[in-house]
């Protein structure tokens, strides 16, 4: 099968940006811009999966705390889609491409824990654990961003850590008997 269409060469990094990238990688021992890009794509995949999970739990939740949990999860899935956009925009500002479809995005992070129950406590517990895991991933990304001197990513990773652990605190407090 051959591709018969025009290809936008603006999406291919220029020789100058490739040379700058190579210089940056030589300056930072251990961590590279490529590692940062990989971390951003992986975390964006994870956050996108959080978006879908929180949205579906939001739609299916039933129980005595329906109204506050329903509203909380709506705020969460709206936040997750904004977080996904921001992480993906960091990738694009460094002149790299994001996966083009859902399948590619899902392949960027395969270890996501999925809910297996419609029971409120069980599904919220899985979501809570995923929020905490995302917080730890964001911490690791922040360290990597610091190593490669990407303060914008480092600052955003700190904001993401705060958001993930705050949301997990709210859920823990709600789920305690």
C-alpha atoms as a PDB file:
ATOM      1  CA  UNK A   1       0.000   0.000   0.000  1.00  0.00           C
ATOM      2  CA  UNK A   2       1.357   3.399  -0.907  1.00  0.00           C
ATOM      3  CA  UNK A   3       0.469   6.808   0.352  1.00  0.00           C
ATOM      4  CA  UNK A   4      -0.804   9.117  -2.349  1.00  0.00           C
ATOM      5  CA  UNK A   5      -1.337  12.460  -0.787  1.00  0.00           C
ATOM      6  CA  UNK A   6       0.523  15.499   0.281  1.00  0.00           C
ATOM      7  CA  UNK A   7       2.655  15.358   3.388  1.00  0.00           C
ATOM      8  CA  UNK A   8       3.019  18.429   5.533  1.00  0.00           C
ATOM      9  CA  UNK A   9       6.763  18.880   5.894  1.00  0.00           C
ATOM     10  CA  UNK A  10       6.208  21.506   8.573  1.00  0.00           C
ATOM     11  CA  UNK A  11       5.702  18.626  11.027  1.00  0.00           C
ATOM     12  CA  UNK A  12       9.221  17.310  10.357  1.00  0.00           C
ATOM     13  CA  UNK A  13      11.844  18.936  12.566  1.00  0.00           C
ATOM     14  CA  UNK A  14      14.221  21.134  10.604  1.00  0.00           C
ATOM     15  CA  UNK A  15      17.915  20.270  10.385  1.00  0.00           C
ATOM     16  CA  UNK A  16      18.623  23.251  12.645  1.00  0.00           C
ATOM     17  CA  UNK A  17      16.214  22.041  15.350  1.00  0.00           C
ATOM     18  CA  UNK A  18      17.687  18.524  15.108  1.00  0.00           C
ATOM     19  CA  UNK A  19      21.182  19.978  15.577  1.00  0.00           C
ATOM     20  CA  UNK A  20      19.990  22.019  18.569  1.00  0.00           C
ATOM     21  CA  UNK A  21      18.407  18.896  20.037  1.00  0.00           C
ATOM     22  CA  UNK A  22      21.664  16.954  19.633  1.00  0.00           C
ATOM     23  CA  UNK A  23      23.588  19.769  21.343  1.00  0.00           C
ATOM     24  CA  UNK A  24      21.139  19.797  24.252  1.00  0.00           C
ATOM     25  CA  UNK A  25      21.396  16.027  24.628  1.00  0.00           C
ATOM     26  CA  UNK A  26      25.188  16.226  24.760  1.00  0.00           C
ATOM     27  CA  UNK A  27      25.008  18.907  27.473  1.00  0.00           C
ATOM     28  CA  UNK A  28      22.737  16.857  29.752  1.00  0.00           C
ATOM     29  CA  UNK A  29      24.322  13.629  30.914  1.00  0.00           C
ATOM     30  CA  UNK A  30      21.959  10.769  31.654  1.00  0.00           C
ATOM     31  CA  UNK A  31      18.693  12.369  30.589  1.00  0.00           C
ATOM     32  CA  UNK A  32      17.833  13.522  27.096  1.00  0.00           C
ATOM     33  CA  UNK A  33      15.165  15.553  25.384  1.00  0.00           C
ATOM     34  CA  UNK A  34      14.031  12.303  23.790  1.00  0.00           C
ATOM     35  CA  UNK A  35      13.479  10.883  27.299  1.00  0.00           C
ATOM     36  CA  UNK A  36      11.439  13.967  28.172  1.00  0.00           C
ATOM     37  CA  UNK A  37       9.332  13.627  25.012  1.00  0.00           C
ATOM     38  CA  UNK A  38       8.758   9.952  25.731  1.00  0.00           C
ATOM     39  CA  UNK A  39       7.738  10.797  29.302  1.00  0.00           C
ATOM     40  CA  UNK A  40       5.354  13.503  28.111  1.00  0.00           C
ATOM     41  CA  UNK A  41       3.686  11.214  25.581  1.00  0.00           C
ATOM     42  CA  UNK A  42       3.398   8.408  28.136  1.00  0.00           C
ATOM     43  CA  UNK A  43       1.930  10.723  30.777  1.00  0.00           C
ATOM     44  CA  UNK A  44      -0.447  12.283  28.257  1.00  0.00           C
ATOM     45  CA  UNK A  45      -1.671   8.769  27.407  1.00  0.00           C
ATOM     46  CA  UNK A  46      -2.210   8.058  31.089  1.00  0.00           C
ATOM     47  CA  UNK A  47      -4.086  11.329  31.649  1.00  0.00           C
ATOM     48  CA  UNK A  48      -6.267  10.668  28.614  1.00  0.00           C
ATOM     49  CA  UNK A  49      -7.155   7.277  30.049  1.00  0.00           C
ATOM     50  CA  UNK A  50      -7.981   9.017  33.361  1.00  0.00           C
ATOM     51  CA  UNK A  51     -10.282  11.310  31.373  1.00  0.00           C
ATOM     52  CA  UNK A  52     -12.177   8.366  29.898  1.00  0.00           C
ATOM     53  CA  UNK A  53     -12.298   6.485  33.202  1.00  0.00           C
ATOM     54  CA  UNK A  54     -13.559   9.452  35.232  1.00  0.00           C
ATOM     55  CA  UNK A  55     -16.107  10.319  32.556  1.00  0.00           C
ATOM     56  CA  UNK A  56     -17.528   6.808  32.422  1.00  0.00           C
ATOM     57  CA  UNK A  57     -17.644   6.459  36.210  1.00  0.00           C
ATOM     58  CA  UNK A  58     -19.371   9.869  36.260  1.00  0.00           C
ATOM     59  CA  UNK A  59     -22.024   8.565  33.888  1.00  0.00           C
ATOM     60  CA  UNK A  60     -22.546   5.227  35.649  1.00  0.00           C
ATOM     61  CA  UNK A  61     -22.174   6.062  39.342  1.00  0.00           C
ATOM     62  CA  UNK A  62     -25.111   5.212  41.578  1.00  0.00           C
ATOM     63  CA  UNK A  63     -25.512   5.419  45.319  1.00  0.00           C
ATOM     64  CA  UNK A  64     -26.264   7.671  48.266  1.00  0.00           C
ATOM     65  CA  UNK A  65     -23.470  10.131  47.391  1.00  0.00           C
ATOM     66  CA  UNK A  66     -24.472  10.367  43.733  1.00  0.00           C
ATOM     67  CA  UNK A  67     -24.847  14.158  43.491  1.00  0.00           C
ATOM     68  CA  UNK A  68     -21.514  15.238  45.012  1.00  0.00           C
ATOM     69  CA  UNK A  69     -19.516  12.431  43.381  1.00  0.00           C
ATOM     70  CA  UNK A  70     -21.195  13.047  40.028  1.00  0.00           C
ATOM     71  CA  UNK A  71     -20.235  16.739  40.200  1.00  0.00           C
ATOM     72  CA  UNK A  72     -16.698  15.973  41.438  1.00  0.00           C
ATOM     73  CA  UNK A  73     -16.092  13.518  38.587  1.00  0.00           C
ATOM     74  CA  UNK A  74     -17.398  16.022  36.046  1.00  0.00           C
ATOM     75  CA  UNK A  75     -14.825  18.530  37.291  1.00  0.00           C
ATOM     76  CA  UNK A  76     -12.191  15.808  37.144  1.00  0.00           C
ATOM     77  CA  UNK A  77     -12.812  14.701  33.578  1.00  0.00           C
ATOM     78  CA  UNK A  78     -12.885  18.322  32.425  1.00  0.00           C
ATOM     79  CA  UNK A  79      -9.555  18.876  34.205  1.00  0.00           C
ATOM     80  CA  UNK A  80      -8.088  15.697  32.682  1.00  0.00           C
ATOM     81  CA  UNK A  81      -8.837  16.783  29.134  1.00  0.00           C
ATOM     82  CA  UNK A  82      -7.170  20.161  29.819  1.00  0.00           C
ATOM     83  CA  UNK A  83      -4.195  18.333  31.340  1.00  0.00           C
ATOM     84  CA  UNK A  84      -3.960  16.104  28.288  1.00  0.00           C
ATOM     85  CA  UNK A  85      -3.995  19.146  25.986  1.00  0.00           C
ATOM     86  CA  UNK A  86      -1.251  20.871  27.977  1.00  0.00           C
ATOM     87  CA  UNK A  87       1.009  17.796  28.019  1.00  0.00           C
ATOM     88  CA  UNK A  88       0.488  17.259  24.286  1.00  0.00           C
ATOM     89  CA  UNK A  89       1.214  20.925  23.593  1.00  0.00           C
ATOM     90  CA  UNK A  90       4.591  20.565  25.354  1.00  0.00           C
ATOM     91  CA  UNK A  91       5.420  17.742  22.946  1.00  0.00           C
ATOM     92  CA  UNK A  92       4.422  19.856  19.962  1.00  0.00           C
ATOM     93  CA  UNK A  93       6.325  22.947  21.153  1.00  0.00           C
ATOM     94  CA  UNK A  94       9.476  20.822  21.080  1.00  0.00           C
ATOM     95  CA  UNK A  95       8.744  20.011  17.438  1.00  0.00           C
ATOM     96  CA  UNK A  96       7.742  16.375  17.977  1.00  0.00           C
ATOM     97  CA  UNK A  97       4.501  14.670  17.023  1.00  0.00           C
ATOM     98  CA  UNK A  98       1.880  13.029  19.202  1.00  0.00           C
ATOM     99  CA  UNK A  99       0.372   9.682  18.191  1.00  0.00           C
ATOM    100  CA  UNK A 100      -2.179  10.231  15.449  1.00  0.00           C
ATOM    101  CA  UNK A 101      -4.944   7.988  16.783  1.00  0.00           C
ATOM    102  CA  UNK A 102      -6.344   6.453  19.960  1.00  0.00           C
ATOM    103  CA  UNK A 103      -4.576   3.164  19.340  1.00  0.00           C
ATOM    104  CA  UNK A 104      -1.188   4.845  19.203  1.00  0.00           C
ATOM    105  CA  UNK A 105      -2.007   6.886  22.266  1.00  0.00           C
ATOM    106  CA  UNK A 106      -3.083   3.804  24.236  1.00  0.00           C
ATOM    107  CA  UNK A 107       0.116   2.022  23.210  1.00  0.00           C
ATOM    108  CA  UNK A 108       2.102   4.869  24.742  1.00  0.00           C
ATOM    109  CA  UNK A 109       1.089   3.675  28.210  1.00  0.00           C
ATOM    110  CA  UNK A 110      -0.167   0.117  28.617  1.00  0.00           C
ATOM    111  CA  UNK A 111      -0.099  -0.278  32.413  1.00  0.00           C
ATOM    112  CA  UNK A 112      -3.263   1.670  33.187  1.00  0.00           C
ATOM    113  CA  UNK A 113      -5.569  -0.055  35.700  1.00  0.00           C
ATOM    114  CA  UNK A 114      -9.131  -0.363  34.423  1.00  0.00           C
ATOM    115  CA  UNK A 115     -12.297  -0.642  36.455  1.00  0.00           C
ATOM    116  CA  UNK A 116     -13.978  -4.033  36.355  1.00  0.00           C
ATOM    117  CA  UNK A 117     -17.088  -3.222  38.359  1.00  0.00           C
ATOM    118  CA  UNK A 118     -20.053  -0.896  38.302  1.00  0.00           C
ATOM    119  CA  UNK A 119     -20.011  -0.837  42.110  1.00  0.00           C
ATOM    120  CA  UNK A 120     -19.270   2.740  43.193  1.00  0.00           C
ATOM    121  CA  UNK A 121     -16.701   2.026  45.911  1.00  0.00           C
ATOM    122  CA  UNK A 122     -14.725  -0.400  43.765  1.00  0.00           C
ATOM    123  CA  UNK A 123     -14.636   1.791  40.648  1.00  0.00           C
ATOM    124  CA  UNK A 124     -13.750   4.903  42.665  1.00  0.00           C
ATOM    125  CA  UNK A 125     -10.966   3.008  44.440  1.00  0.00           C
ATOM    126  CA  UNK A 126      -9.410   2.023  41.116  1.00  0.00           C
ATOM    127  CA  UNK A 127      -9.699   5.625  39.912  1.00  0.00           C
ATOM    128  CA  UNK A 128      -8.148   6.846  43.181  1.00  0.00           C
ATOM    129  CA  UNK A 129      -5.167   4.513  42.755  1.00  0.00           C
ATOM    130  CA  UNK A 130      -4.756   5.707  39.175  1.00  0.00           C
ATOM    131  CA  UNK A 131      -4.749   9.337  40.339  1.00  0.00           C
ATOM    132  CA  UNK A 132      -1.973   8.563  42.813  1.00  0.00           C
ATOM    133  CA  UNK A 133       0.021   6.671  40.183  1.00  0.00           C
ATOM    134  CA  UNK A 134      -0.342   9.674  37.875  1.00  0.00           C
ATOM    135  CA  UNK A 135       0.926  11.945  40.639  1.00  0.00           C
ATOM    136  CA  UNK A 136       4.054   9.813  40.995  1.00  0.00           C
ATOM    137  CA  UNK A 137       4.531   9.765  37.208  1.00  0.00           C
ATOM    138  CA  UNK A 138       4.295  13.558  37.188  1.00  0.00           C
ATOM    139  CA  UNK A 139       6.939  13.712  39.946  1.00  0.00           C
ATOM    140  CA  UNK A 140       9.274  11.615  37.816  1.00  0.00           C
ATOM    141  CA  UNK A 141       8.571  13.787  34.786  1.00  0.00           C
ATOM    142  CA  UNK A 142       9.359  16.899  36.850  1.00  0.00           C
ATOM    143  CA  UNK A 143      12.751  15.461  37.839  1.00  0.00           C
ATOM    144  CA  UNK A 144      13.484  14.588  34.228  1.00  0.00           C
ATOM    145  CA  UNK A 145      12.444  18.065  33.075  1.00  0.00           C
ATOM    146  CA  UNK A 146      14.792  19.608  35.620  1.00  0.00           C
ATOM    147  CA  UNK A 147      17.656  17.420  34.373  1.00  0.00           C
ATOM    148  CA  UNK A 148      17.174  18.563  30.770  1.00  0.00           C
ATOM    149  CA  UNK A 149      16.511  22.172  31.779  1.00  0.00           C
ATOM    150  CA  UNK A 150      12.867  22.389  30.742  1.00  0.00           C
ATOM    151  CA  UNK A 151      11.451  24.638  33.505  1.00  0.00           C
ATOM    152  CA  UNK A 152       8.052  24.989  31.834  1.00  0.00           C
ATOM    153  CA  UNK A 153       7.524  21.227  31.910  1.00  0.00           C
ATOM    154  CA  UNK A 154       8.987  21.026  35.420  1.00  0.00           C
ATOM    155  CA  UNK A 155       6.541  23.648  36.718  1.00  0.00           C
ATOM    156  CA  UNK A 156       3.566  22.042  35.024  1.00  0.00           C
ATOM    157  CA  UNK A 157       4.546  18.629  36.375  1.00  0.00           C
ATOM    158  CA  UNK A 158       4.463  20.129  39.885  1.00  0.00           C
ATOM    159  CA  UNK A 159       0.967  21.499  39.196  1.00  0.00           C
ATOM    160  CA  UNK A 160      -0.103  18.075  37.976  1.00  0.00           C
ATOM    161  CA  UNK A 161       1.290  16.405  41.115  1.00  0.00           C
ATOM    162  CA  UNK A 162      -0.761  18.818  43.231  1.00  0.00           C
ATOM    163  CA  UNK A 163      -3.952  18.197  41.237  1.00  0.00           C
ATOM    164  CA  UNK A 164      -3.615  14.399  41.331  1.00  0.00           C
ATOM    165  CA  UNK A 165      -2.934  14.134  45.052  1.00  0.00           C
ATOM    166  CA  UNK A 166      -5.606  16.670  45.955  1.00  0.00           C
ATOM    167  CA  UNK A 167      -8.207  14.719  43.983  1.00  0.00           C
ATOM    168  CA  UNK A 168      -7.069  11.459  45.560  1.00  0.00           C
ATOM    169  CA  UNK A 169      -7.381  13.047  49.016  1.00  0.00           C
ATOM    170  CA  UNK A 170     -10.982  14.076  48.243  1.00  0.00           C
ATOM    171  CA  UNK A 171     -11.818  10.537  47.134  1.00  0.00           C
ATOM    172  CA  UNK A 172     -10.125   8.932  50.142  1.00  0.00           C
ATOM    173  CA  UNK A 173     -12.079  11.205  52.460  1.00  0.00           C
ATOM    174  CA  UNK A 174     -15.318  10.348  50.683  1.00  0.00           C
ATOM    175  CA  UNK A 175     -14.723   6.601  50.670  1.00  0.00           C
ATOM    176  CA  UNK A 176     -13.740   6.252  54.330  1.00  0.00           C
ATOM    177  CA  UNK A 177     -16.526   4.754  56.474  1.00  0.00           C
END
